[in-house]
Amino acid sequence: MTVSLDEEVLARLEKAAPAGAASGDRYPEMAAVRGDSAPTAG
């Protein structure tokens, strides 16, 4: 499958989800949910 995006579509995507908008931890700290104090990576 090949997908081609023109400049207009790329600009709309950049406006909707700018670079860095989704940065950060993927999952919240789970120690409280698990009930332990396991060290976390990062």
N, C-alpha and C. Protein backbone atom coordinates (compact mmCIF):
# COMPACT_ATOMS: atom_id res chain seq x y z
N MET A 1 0.85 -1.17 0.00
CA MET A 1 0.00 0.00 0.00
C MET A 1 0.89 1.23 0.00
N THR A 2 0.60 2.15 -0.87
CA THR A 2 1.32 3.40 -0.93
C THR A 2 0.35 4.54 -0.67
N VAL A 3 0.74 5.41 0.22
CA VAL A 3 -0.10 6.57 0.55
C VAL A 3 0.67 7.82 0.20
N SER A 4 0.05 8.71 -0.54
CA SER A 4 0.67 9.98 -0.89
C SER A 4 -0.14 11.11 -0.29
N LEU A 5 0.54 12.01 0.40
CA LEU A 5 -0.13 13.15 1.02
C LEU A 5 0.40 14.42 0.39
N ASP A 6 -0.52 15.29 -0.05
CA ASP A 6 -0.07 16.55 -0.65
C ASP A 6 0.20 17.57 0.47
N GLU A 7 0.73 18.71 0.08
CA GLU A 7 1.12 19.73 1.05
C GLU A 7 -0.06 20.22 1.89
N GLU A 8 -1.24 20.32 1.30
CA GLU A 8 -2.43 20.77 2.03
C GLU A 8 -2.78 19.80 3.15
N VAL A 9 -2.77 18.52 2.84
CA VAL A 9 -3.09 17.50 3.84
C VAL A 9 -2.02 17.50 4.94
N LEU A 10 -0.76 17.57 4.57
CA LEU A 10 0.31 17.61 5.57
C LEU A 10 0.16 18.83 6.48
N ALA A 11 -0.20 19.96 5.94
CA ALA A 11 -0.40 21.17 6.75
C ALA A 11 -1.56 21.00 7.71
N ARG A 12 -2.64 20.37 7.25
CA ARG A 12 -3.80 20.13 8.12
C ARG A 12 -3.44 19.17 9.25
N LEU A 13 -2.66 18.14 8.93
CA LEU A 13 -2.22 17.20 9.97
C LEU A 13 -1.33 17.89 10.99
N GLU A 14 -0.41 18.73 10.53
CA GLU A 14 0.49 19.46 11.42
C GLU A 14 -0.30 20.38 12.34
N LYS A 15 -1.34 21.02 11.81
CA LYS A 15 -2.17 21.92 12.62
C LYS A 15 -2.96 21.12 13.67
N ALA A 16 -3.47 19.97 13.27
CA ALA A 16 -4.28 19.14 14.18
C ALA A 16 -3.44 18.47 15.26
N ALA A 17 -2.22 18.07 14.91
CA ALA A 17 -1.35 17.36 15.85
C ALA A 17 0.08 17.81 15.62
N PRO A 18 0.44 19.00 16.15
CA PRO A 18 1.80 19.50 15.92
C PRO A 18 2.86 18.60 16.53
N ALA A 19 4.06 18.68 15.99
CA ALA A 19 5.18 17.91 16.51
C ALA A 19 5.34 18.18 18.00
N GLY A 20 5.48 17.11 18.80
CA GLY A 20 5.64 17.24 20.24
C GLY A 20 4.34 17.25 21.02
N ALA A 21 3.21 17.31 20.34
CA ALA A 21 1.93 17.37 21.03
C ALA A 21 1.65 16.11 21.84
N ALA A 22 2.21 14.99 21.42
CA ALA A 22 1.96 13.73 22.11
C ALA A 22 3.19 13.26 22.87
N SER A 23 4.08 14.17 23.20
CA SER A 23 5.29 13.77 23.92
C SER A 23 4.98 13.48 25.38
N GLY A 24 5.84 12.75 26.03
CA GLY A 24 5.67 12.43 27.44
C GLY A 24 5.51 10.94 27.64
N ASP A 25 5.20 10.58 28.87
CA ASP A 25 5.03 9.18 29.21
C ASP A 25 3.82 8.60 28.49
N ARG A 26 3.97 7.38 28.04
CA ARG A 26 2.87 6.72 27.35
C ARG A 26 1.80 6.25 28.33
N TYR A 27 2.23 5.76 29.47
CA TYR A 27 1.29 5.25 30.47
C TYR A 27 1.50 5.97 31.79
N PRO A 28 0.44 6.16 32.56
CA PRO A 28 0.59 6.81 33.87
C PRO A 28 1.33 5.90 34.86
N GLU A 29 1.82 6.46 35.91
CA GLU A 29 2.48 5.69 36.97
C GLU A 29 1.50 4.66 37.52
N MET A 30 1.90 3.40 37.54
CA MET A 30 1.00 2.32 37.93
C MET A 30 1.28 1.77 39.33
N ALA A 31 2.29 2.28 40.04
CA ALA A 31 2.61 1.74 41.36
C ALA A 31 1.42 1.84 42.31
N ALA A 32 0.72 2.94 42.28
CA ALA A 32 -0.44 3.11 43.16
C ALA A 32 -1.55 2.13 42.80
N VAL A 33 -1.69 1.84 41.53
CA VAL A 33 -2.72 0.90 41.10
C VAL A 33 -2.34 -0.52 41.52
N ARG A 34 -1.04 -0.86 41.35
CA ARG A 34 -0.57 -2.20 41.71
C ARG A 34 -0.46 -2.36 43.21
N GLY A 35 -0.34 -1.27 43.94
CA GLY A 35 -0.20 -1.36 45.38
C GLY A 35 1.22 -1.63 45.83
N ASP A 36 2.20 -1.29 44.99
CA ASP A 36 3.59 -1.51 45.37
C ASP A 36 4.40 -0.25 45.14
N SER A 37 5.67 -0.36 45.40
CA SER A 37 6.55 0.79 45.17
C SER A 37 7.66 0.39 44.22
N ALA A 38 7.31 -0.38 43.20
CA ALA A 38 8.31 -0.85 42.23
C ALA A 38 8.93 0.35 41.52
N PRO A 39 10.25 0.34 41.37
CA PRO A 39 10.88 1.44 40.64
C PRO A 39 10.45 1.45 39.18
N THR A 40 10.43 2.62 38.60
CA THR A 40 10.04 2.74 37.20
C THR A 40 11.23 3.14 36.36
N ALA A 41 11.21 2.76 35.12
CA ALA A 41 12.27 3.15 34.19
C ALA A 41 12.04 4.59 33.76
N GLY A 42 13.13 5.29 33.52
CA GLY A 42 12.96 6.61 32.94
C GLY A 42 13.48 7.63 33.80
